[in-house]
Amino acid sequence: MKVKDADIDKYLELERNFWKPIHEERVKQKEIAGWRIFAVRYTGTGDEYNFATGTFFHDLSKLEKVYNVDVEKIHPGKDIQKTYQETLKSRELVKRNLLVMNSTINSTVPYKYLQVNFMNVKQGEGNVYINVENSVWKPVHEELARAGSKSGWSVWSVIYPGGSGTDYQFLTVDDFSEFTQIEMAGFESAFGKVHAGKNVDELMKQTNNSRILLRSELWELLDSSQWQ
């Protein structure tokens, strides 16, 4: 979402007071697994977007019926159509992605910040890239999580939009419970521990050959629905 500075308070009020209860009902009805809203930190007027929302599903079959709750029952007496129009005026919906999680580490520590990394991977080499993430980097992130240096990590493939005209095909997401964790304290120690005796230069070469890191963004979790 792209939200003008003058509209931020109104936008967040609508997300929290109108849309969040709707998403919570969708969770209860098992339409979705959860919903979250993020502020994209360190953005300016020239950036494409400054907020993001995520709607999570347990499987793709849930996307066949993505919205089937009674909004008037959730907000009795409210002018629903007027609120829809207020929502449209409060922000610009810049883009949507359909993502599928490819890999993750087990962690029960809640996060406050996400570092979202956008990866460009050559067509036909997605499996090679995923293998590098799982064999080289997943054990490192697991060790960092055990040491308390991060809350989690995951890899996501972009299903839509797709094609040769898209600039990124995968995302990796680093989860942090505190801002100070973003420094990745203990990274070199964790890498050396899980890959002891291996050729570090060769591992880095495999990584660099498998993808191009286009950019990284810092997202701050502002609010969320219950999770099931």
C-alpha atoms as a PDB file:
ATOM      1  CA  MET A   1       0.000   0.000   0.000  1.00  0.00           C
ATOM      2  CA  LYS A   2       1.077   3.560  -0.720  1.00  0.00           C
ATOM      3  CA  VAL A   3      -0.294   5.937   1.911  1.00  0.00           C
ATOM      4  CA  LYS A   4       0.228   9.689   1.947  1.00  0.00           C
ATOM      5  CA  ASP A   5       1.502  11.162   5.206  1.00  0.00           C
ATOM      6  CA  ALA A   6      -1.760  13.065   5.741  1.00  0.00           C
ATOM      7  CA  ASP A   7      -3.776   9.825   5.406  1.00  0.00           C
ATOM      8  CA  ILE A   8      -1.725   7.495   7.630  1.00  0.00           C
ATOM      9  CA  ASP A   9      -3.828   7.913  10.788  1.00  0.00           C
ATOM     10  CA  LYS A  10      -7.064   7.356   8.852  1.00  0.00           C
ATOM     11  CA  TYR A  11      -5.653   4.360   7.007  1.00  0.00           C
ATOM     12  CA  LEU A  12      -4.448   2.638  10.175  1.00  0.00           C
ATOM     13  CA  GLU A  13      -7.727   3.392  11.951  1.00  0.00           C
ATOM     14  CA  LEU A  14      -9.625   1.673   9.144  1.00  0.00           C
ATOM     15  CA  GLU A  15      -7.297  -1.330   9.083  1.00  0.00           C
ATOM     16  CA  ARG A  16      -7.447  -1.821  12.836  1.00  0.00           C
ATOM     17  CA  ASN A  17     -11.071  -0.982  13.601  1.00  0.00           C
ATOM     18  CA  PHE A  18     -12.895  -2.034  10.441  1.00  0.00           C
ATOM     19  CA  TRP A  19     -10.791  -4.624   8.607  1.00  0.00           C
ATOM     20  CA  LYS A  20      -9.114  -6.449  11.490  1.00  0.00           C
ATOM     21  CA  PRO A  21     -12.437  -7.686  12.970  1.00  0.00           C
ATOM     22  CA  ILE A  22     -13.389  -8.940   9.506  1.00  0.00           C
ATOM     23  CA  HIS A  23     -10.138 -10.870   9.197  1.00  0.00           C
ATOM     24  CA  GLU A  24     -10.566 -12.264  12.707  1.00  0.00           C
ATOM     25  CA  GLU A  25     -13.979 -13.592  11.691  1.00  0.00           C
ATOM     26  CA  ARG A  26     -12.421 -15.102   8.569  1.00  0.00           C
ATOM     27  CA  VAL A  27      -9.955 -16.901  10.845  1.00  0.00           C
ATOM     28  CA  LYS A  28     -12.810 -18.235  12.982  1.00  0.00           C
ATOM     29  CA  GLN A  29     -14.579 -19.449   9.833  1.00  0.00           C
ATOM     30  CA  LYS A  30     -11.288 -21.091   8.730  1.00  0.00           C
ATOM     31  CA  GLU A  31     -11.216 -19.085   5.518  1.00  0.00           C
ATOM     32  CA  ILE A  32      -7.728 -17.832   6.357  1.00  0.00           C
ATOM     33  CA  ALA A  33      -4.952 -18.750   8.789  1.00  0.00           C
ATOM     34  CA  GLY A  34      -4.183 -15.164   9.802  1.00  0.00           C
ATOM     35  CA  TRP A  35      -3.698 -11.550   8.780  1.00  0.00           C
ATOM     36  CA  ARG A  36      -0.983  -8.990   9.507  1.00  0.00           C
ATOM     37  CA  ILE A  37      -0.181  -5.369   8.698  1.00  0.00           C
ATOM     38  CA  PHE A  38       3.310  -3.925   8.431  1.00  0.00           C
ATOM     39  CA  ALA A  39       4.902  -0.502   8.104  1.00  0.00           C
ATOM     40  CA  VAL A  40       7.804  -0.491   5.663  1.00  0.00           C
ATOM     41  CA  ARG A  41      10.550   1.399   7.477  1.00  0.00           C
ATOM     42  CA  TYR A  42      12.921   3.944   5.937  1.00  0.00           C
ATOM     43  CA  THR A  43      10.728   4.987   3.025  1.00  0.00           C
ATOM     44  CA  GLY A  44      10.152   8.393   1.462  1.00  0.00           C
ATOM     45  CA  THR A  45       7.775  10.025  -0.981  1.00  0.00           C
ATOM     46  CA  GLY A  46       9.592   8.465  -3.927  1.00  0.00           C
ATOM     47  CA  ASP A  47       9.144   4.889  -2.736  1.00  0.00           C
ATOM     48  CA  GLU A  48       6.579   2.624  -4.360  1.00  0.00           C
ATOM     49  CA  TYR A  49       4.860   1.622  -1.109  1.00  0.00           C
ATOM     50  CA  ASN A  50       5.178   2.220   2.634  1.00  0.00           C
ATOM     51  CA  PHE A  51       2.736  -0.292   4.142  1.00  0.00           C
ATOM     52  CA  ALA A  52       2.025  -3.966   3.469  1.00  0.00           C
ATOM     53  CA  THR A  53      -0.696  -6.374   4.540  1.00  0.00           C
ATOM     54  CA  GLY A  54      -0.413 -10.147   4.486  1.00  0.00           C
ATOM     55  CA  THR A  55      -3.268 -12.647   4.373  1.00  0.00           C
ATOM     56  CA  PHE A  56      -2.149 -16.201   5.123  1.00  0.00           C
ATOM     57  CA  PHE A  57      -3.705 -19.485   3.975  1.00  0.00           C
ATOM     58  CA  HIS A  58      -2.949 -23.061   4.957  1.00  0.00           C
ATOM     59  CA  ASP A  59      -3.328 -24.280   1.379  1.00  0.00           C
ATOM     60  CA  LEU A  60      -4.108 -22.940  -2.080  1.00  0.00           C
ATOM     61  CA  SER A  61      -7.597 -24.478  -2.147  1.00  0.00           C
ATOM     62  CA  LYS A  62      -8.679 -21.790   0.353  1.00  0.00           C
ATOM     63  CA  LEU A  63      -8.131 -19.173  -2.360  1.00  0.00           C
ATOM     64  CA  GLU A  64     -11.195 -20.433  -4.245  1.00  0.00           C
ATOM     65  CA  LYS A  65     -13.423 -18.629  -1.719  1.00  0.00           C
ATOM     66  CA  VAL A  66     -11.401 -15.807  -0.247  1.00  0.00           C
ATOM     67  CA  TYR A  67     -14.202 -13.676   1.231  1.00  0.00           C
ATOM     68  CA  ASN A  68     -17.394 -15.217   2.535  1.00  0.00           C
ATOM     69  CA  VAL A  69     -18.187 -13.541   5.877  1.00  0.00           C
ATOM     70  CA  ASP A  70     -21.157 -11.338   6.763  1.00  0.00           C
ATOM     71  CA  VAL A  71     -19.606  -7.872   7.111  1.00  0.00           C
ATOM     72  CA  GLU A  72     -22.870  -6.260   8.274  1.00  0.00           C
ATOM     73  CA  LYS A  73     -23.077  -8.783  11.124  1.00  0.00           C
ATOM     74  CA  ILE A  74     -19.531  -7.905  12.183  1.00  0.00           C
ATOM     75  CA  HIS A  75     -20.225  -4.153  11.998  1.00  0.00           C
ATOM     76  CA  PRO A  76     -23.963  -3.724  12.746  1.00  0.00           C
ATOM     77  CA  GLY A  77     -25.352  -0.299  11.934  1.00  0.00           C
ATOM     78  CA  LYS A  78     -22.254   0.809  10.076  1.00  0.00           C
ATOM     79  CA  ASP A  79     -22.441   2.250   6.567  1.00  0.00           C
ATOM     80  CA  ILE A  80     -20.410  -0.482   4.893  1.00  0.00           C
ATOM     81  CA  GLN A  81     -20.301   1.051   1.422  1.00  0.00           C
ATOM     82  CA  LYS A  82     -19.138   4.380   2.843  1.00  0.00           C
ATOM     83  CA  THR A  83     -16.358   2.643   4.755  1.00  0.00           C
ATOM     84  CA  TYR A  84     -15.281   0.793   1.601  1.00  0.00           C
ATOM     85  CA  GLN A  85     -14.977   4.157  -0.150  1.00  0.00           C
ATOM     86  CA  GLU A  86     -13.042   5.618   2.788  1.00  0.00           C
ATOM     87  CA  THR A  87     -10.636   2.703   2.539  1.00  0.00           C
ATOM     88  CA  LEU A  88     -10.066   3.299  -1.179  1.00  0.00           C
ATOM     89  CA  LYS A  89      -9.387   6.988  -0.533  1.00  0.00           C
ATOM     90  CA  SER A  90      -6.989   6.334   2.354  1.00  0.00           C
ATOM     91  CA  ARG A  91      -4.448   4.321   0.346  1.00  0.00           C
ATOM     92  CA  GLU A  92      -3.404   3.134  -3.076  1.00  0.00           C
ATOM     93  CA  LEU A  93      -3.155  -0.626  -3.542  1.00  0.00           C
ATOM     94  CA  VAL A  94       0.125  -0.718  -5.478  1.00  0.00           C
ATOM     95  CA  LYS A  95       0.590  -4.450  -6.049  1.00  0.00           C
ATOM     96  CA  ARG A  96      -0.357  -7.939  -4.964  1.00  0.00           C
ATOM     97  CA  ASN A  97       1.788 -11.065  -4.887  1.00  0.00           C
ATOM     98  CA  LEU A  98       0.721 -14.658  -4.376  1.00  0.00           C
ATOM     99  CA  LEU A  99       3.527 -16.355  -2.455  1.00  0.00           C
ATOM    100  CA  VAL A 100       4.070 -19.977  -1.428  1.00  0.00           C
ATOM    101  CA  MET A 101       6.394 -20.901   1.425  1.00  0.00           C
ATOM    102  CA  ASN A 102       9.182 -23.224   0.285  1.00  0.00           C
ATOM    103  CA  SER A 103      11.204 -23.571   3.472  1.00  0.00           C
ATOM    104  CA  THR A 104      11.199 -22.360   7.065  1.00  0.00           C
ATOM    105  CA  ILE A 105      12.759 -23.053  10.445  1.00  0.00           C
ATOM    106  CA  ASN A 106      10.834 -24.046  13.538  1.00  0.00           C
ATOM    107  CA  SER A 107      10.560 -21.179  16.003  1.00  0.00           C
ATOM    108  CA  THR A 108       7.921 -20.182  18.543  1.00  0.00           C
ATOM    109  CA  VAL A 109       9.449 -16.770  19.310  1.00  0.00           C
ATOM    110  CA  PRO A 110       7.169 -13.960  18.054  1.00  0.00           C
ATOM    111  CA  TYR A 111       8.703 -11.385  15.753  1.00  0.00           C
ATOM    112  CA  LYS A 112       8.408  -7.600  15.611  1.00  0.00           C
ATOM    113  CA  TYR A 113      10.534  -6.906  12.527  1.00  0.00           C
ATOM    114  CA  LEU A 114      11.055  -8.636   9.192  1.00  0.00           C
ATOM    115  CA  GLN A 115      13.955  -8.179   6.832  1.00  0.00           C
ATOM    116  CA  VAL A 116      12.450  -9.015   3.450  1.00  0.00           C
ATOM    117  CA  ASN A 117      15.027  -9.902   0.796  1.00  0.00           C
ATOM    118  CA  PHE A 118      14.019  -9.870  -2.886  1.00  0.00           C
ATOM    119  CA  MET A 119      15.840 -12.449  -5.020  1.00  0.00           C
ATOM    120  CA  ASN A 120      16.226 -12.639  -8.785  1.00  0.00           C
ATOM    121  CA  VAL A 121      16.691 -16.243  -9.946  1.00  0.00           C
ATOM    122  CA  LYS A 122      17.267 -17.315 -13.534  1.00  0.00           C
ATOM    123  CA  GLN A 123      14.392 -19.090 -15.236  1.00  0.00           C
ATOM    124  CA  GLY A 124      14.606 -22.846 -14.774  1.00  0.00           C
ATOM    125  CA  GLU A 125      17.032 -22.620 -11.830  1.00  0.00           C
ATOM    126  CA  GLY A 126      14.544 -22.298  -9.003  1.00  0.00           C
ATOM    127  CA  ASN A 127      15.266 -25.779  -7.647  1.00  0.00           C
ATOM    128  CA  VAL A 128      18.996 -25.061  -7.617  1.00  0.00           C
ATOM    129  CA  TYR A 129      18.402 -21.884  -5.658  1.00  0.00           C
ATOM    130  CA  ILE A 130      16.104 -23.581  -3.112  1.00  0.00           C
ATOM    131  CA  ASN A 131      18.686 -26.329  -2.632  1.00  0.00           C
ATOM    132  CA  VAL A 132      21.359 -23.731  -1.829  1.00  0.00           C
ATOM    133  CA  GLU A 133      19.071 -22.018   0.672  1.00  0.00           C
ATOM    134  CA  ASN A 134      18.252 -25.334   2.371  1.00  0.00           C
ATOM    135  CA  SER A 135      21.726 -26.858   2.362  1.00  0.00           C
ATOM    136  CA  VAL A 136      23.875 -23.785   3.009  1.00  0.00           C
ATOM    137  CA  TRP A 137      21.749 -21.192   4.794  1.00  0.00           C
ATOM    138  CA  LYS A 138      18.924 -22.963   6.605  1.00  0.00           C
ATOM    139  CA  PRO A 139      21.300 -24.628   9.122  1.00  0.00           C
ATOM    140  CA  VAL A 140      22.902 -21.227   9.803  1.00  0.00           C
ATOM    141  CA  HIS A 141      19.536 -19.614  10.521  1.00  0.00           C
ATOM    142  CA  GLU A 142      18.568 -22.549  12.746  1.00  0.00           C
ATOM    143  CA  GLU A 143      21.737 -22.041  14.764  1.00  0.00           C
ATOM    144  CA  LEU A 144      21.116 -18.304  15.034  1.00  0.00           C
ATOM    145  CA  ALA A 145      17.571 -18.977  16.255  1.00  0.00           C
ATOM    146  CA  ARG A 146      18.871 -21.430  18.874  1.00  0.00           C
ATOM    147  CA  ALA A 147      21.338 -18.770  20.028  1.00  0.00           C
ATOM    148  CA  GLY A 148      18.571 -16.173  20.316  1.00  0.00           C
ATOM    149  CA  SER A 149      19.960 -13.956  17.547  1.00  0.00           C
ATOM    150  CA  LYS A 150      16.779 -14.120  15.478  1.00  0.00           C
ATOM    151  CA  SER A 151      13.191 -15.322  15.711  1.00  0.00           C
ATOM    152  CA  GLY A 152      12.843 -17.157  12.409  1.00  0.00           C
ATOM    153  CA  TRP A 153      13.584 -17.451   8.716  1.00  0.00           C
ATOM    154  CA  SER A 154      11.703 -18.562   5.604  1.00  0.00           C
ATOM    155  CA  VAL A 155      11.891 -18.756   1.807  1.00  0.00           C
ATOM    156  CA  TRP A 156       8.934 -17.901  -0.426  1.00  0.00           C
ATOM    157  CA  SER A 157       8.420 -18.364  -4.167  1.00  0.00           C
ATOM    158  CA  VAL A 158       6.407 -15.827  -6.142  1.00  0.00           C
ATOM    159  CA  ILE A 159       3.591 -17.623  -7.979  1.00  0.00           C
ATOM    160  CA  TYR A 160       1.868 -14.514  -9.348  1.00  0.00           C
ATOM    161  CA  PRO A 161       2.778 -12.294 -11.059  1.00  0.00           C
ATOM    162  CA  GLY A 162       5.178 -14.475 -13.018  1.00  0.00           C
ATOM    163  CA  GLY A 163       7.098 -14.568 -16.262  1.00  0.00           C
ATOM    164  CA  SER A 164      10.365 -13.215 -17.595  1.00  0.00           C
ATOM    165  CA  GLY A 165       9.241  -9.620 -17.039  1.00  0.00           C
ATOM    166  CA  THR A 166       9.197  -9.904 -13.233  1.00  0.00           C
ATOM    167  CA  ASP A 167      12.278  -8.654 -11.406  1.00  0.00           C
ATOM    168  CA  TYR A 168      12.110 -11.054  -8.426  1.00  0.00           C
ATOM    169  CA  GLN A 169      10.995 -14.682  -8.191  1.00  0.00           C
ATOM    170  CA  PHE A 170      11.755 -15.504  -4.544  1.00  0.00           C
ATOM    171  CA  LEU A 171      11.796 -13.819  -1.150  1.00  0.00           C
ATOM    172  CA  THR A 172      13.723 -14.732   1.951  1.00  0.00           C
ATOM    173  CA  VAL A 173      12.440 -13.356   5.242  1.00  0.00           C
ATOM    174  CA  ASP A 174      14.474 -12.933   8.422  1.00  0.00           C
ATOM    175  CA  ASP A 175      12.397 -12.567  11.609  1.00  0.00           C
ATOM    176  CA  PHE A 176      13.579 -10.507  14.571  1.00  0.00           C
ATOM    177  CA  SER A 177      11.944  -9.926  17.927  1.00  0.00           C
ATOM    178  CA  GLU A 178      14.101  -6.882  18.707  1.00  0.00           C
ATOM    179  CA  PHE A 179      15.595  -4.158  16.544  1.00  0.00           C
ATOM    180  CA  THR A 180      19.119  -4.839  17.825  1.00  0.00           C
ATOM    181  CA  GLN A 181      18.987  -8.395  16.446  1.00  0.00           C
ATOM    182  CA  ILE A 182      19.091  -7.028  12.907  1.00  0.00           C
ATOM    183  CA  GLU A 183      22.849  -6.658  13.266  1.00  0.00           C
ATOM    184  CA  MET A 184      22.978 -10.481  13.002  1.00  0.00           C
ATOM    185  CA  ALA A 185      25.212 -10.876  16.066  1.00  0.00           C
ATOM    186  CA  GLY A 186      27.037 -14.205  15.989  1.00  0.00           C
ATOM    187  CA  PHE A 187      26.590 -14.787  12.261  1.00  0.00           C
ATOM    188  CA  GLU A 188      30.210 -15.713  11.533  1.00  0.00           C
ATOM    189  CA  SER A 189      30.313 -18.021  14.554  1.00  0.00           C
ATOM    190  CA  ALA A 190      27.091 -19.778  13.500  1.00  0.00           C
ATOM    191  CA  PHE A 191      28.278 -20.182   9.902  1.00  0.00           C
ATOM    192  CA  GLY A 192      31.614 -21.634  11.033  1.00  0.00           C
ATOM    193  CA  LYS A 193      29.898 -24.004  13.454  1.00  0.00           C
ATOM    194  CA  VAL A 194      27.433 -25.563  11.018  1.00  0.00           C
ATOM    195  CA  HIS A 195      29.871 -25.661   8.095  1.00  0.00           C
ATOM    196  CA  ALA A 196      33.048 -26.622   9.939  1.00  0.00           C
ATOM    197  CA  GLY A 197      35.654 -28.061   7.592  1.00  0.00           C
ATOM    198  CA  LYS A 198      33.890 -26.903   4.442  1.00  0.00           C
ATOM    199  CA  ASN A 199      35.242 -24.512   1.826  1.00  0.00           C
ATOM    200  CA  VAL A 200      33.587 -21.198   2.738  1.00  0.00           C
ATOM    201  CA  ASP A 201      34.585 -19.545  -0.550  1.00  0.00           C
ATOM    202  CA  GLU A 202      32.905 -22.355  -2.475  1.00  0.00           C
ATOM    203  CA  LEU A 203      29.703 -22.037  -0.425  1.00  0.00           C
ATOM    204  CA  MET A 204      29.604 -18.300  -1.055  1.00  0.00           C
ATOM    205  CA  LYS A 205      30.221 -18.895  -4.761  1.00  0.00           C
ATOM    206  CA  GLN A 206      27.289 -21.330  -4.888  1.00  0.00           C
ATOM    207  CA  THR A 207      25.118 -18.729  -3.186  1.00  0.00           C
ATOM    208  CA  ASN A 208      26.086 -15.880  -5.493  1.00  0.00           C
ATOM    209  CA  ASN A 209      25.661 -18.048  -8.588  1.00  0.00           C
ATOM    210  CA  SER A 210      22.176 -19.141  -7.524  1.00  0.00           C
ATOM    211  CA  ARG A 211      20.604 -15.685  -7.197  1.00  0.00           C
ATOM    212  CA  ILE A 212      20.999 -11.917  -7.251  1.00  0.00           C
ATOM    213  CA  LEU A 213      19.945 -10.069  -4.111  1.00  0.00           C
ATOM    214  CA  LEU A 214      18.033  -7.118  -5.570  1.00  0.00           C
ATOM    215  CA  ARG A 215      17.213  -5.294  -2.338  1.00  0.00           C
ATOM    216  CA  SER A 216      16.275  -5.721   1.320  1.00  0.00           C
ATOM    217  CA  GLU A 217      13.420  -3.981   3.123  1.00  0.00           C
ATOM    218  CA  LEU A 218      12.684  -3.648   6.829  1.00  0.00           C
ATOM    219  CA  TRP A 219       9.043  -4.265   7.781  1.00  0.00           C
ATOM    220  CA  GLU A 220       7.653  -3.542  11.255  1.00  0.00           C
ATOM    221  CA  LEU A 221       4.646  -5.518  12.477  1.00  0.00           C
ATOM    222  CA  LEU A 222       1.903  -3.089  13.547  1.00  0.00           C
ATOM    223  CA  ASP A 223      -1.066  -5.360  14.159  1.00  0.00           C
ATOM    224  CA  SER A 224      -2.386  -8.850  13.450  1.00  0.00           C
ATOM    225  CA  SER A 225      -5.360 -11.123  13.809  1.00  0.00           C
ATOM    226  CA  GLN A 226      -5.381 -14.256  15.899  1.00  0.00           C
ATOM    227  CA  TRP A 227      -3.630 -17.169  14.209  1.00  0.00           C
ATOM    228  CA  GLN A 228      -4.998 -20.672  13.586  1.00  0.00           C
END
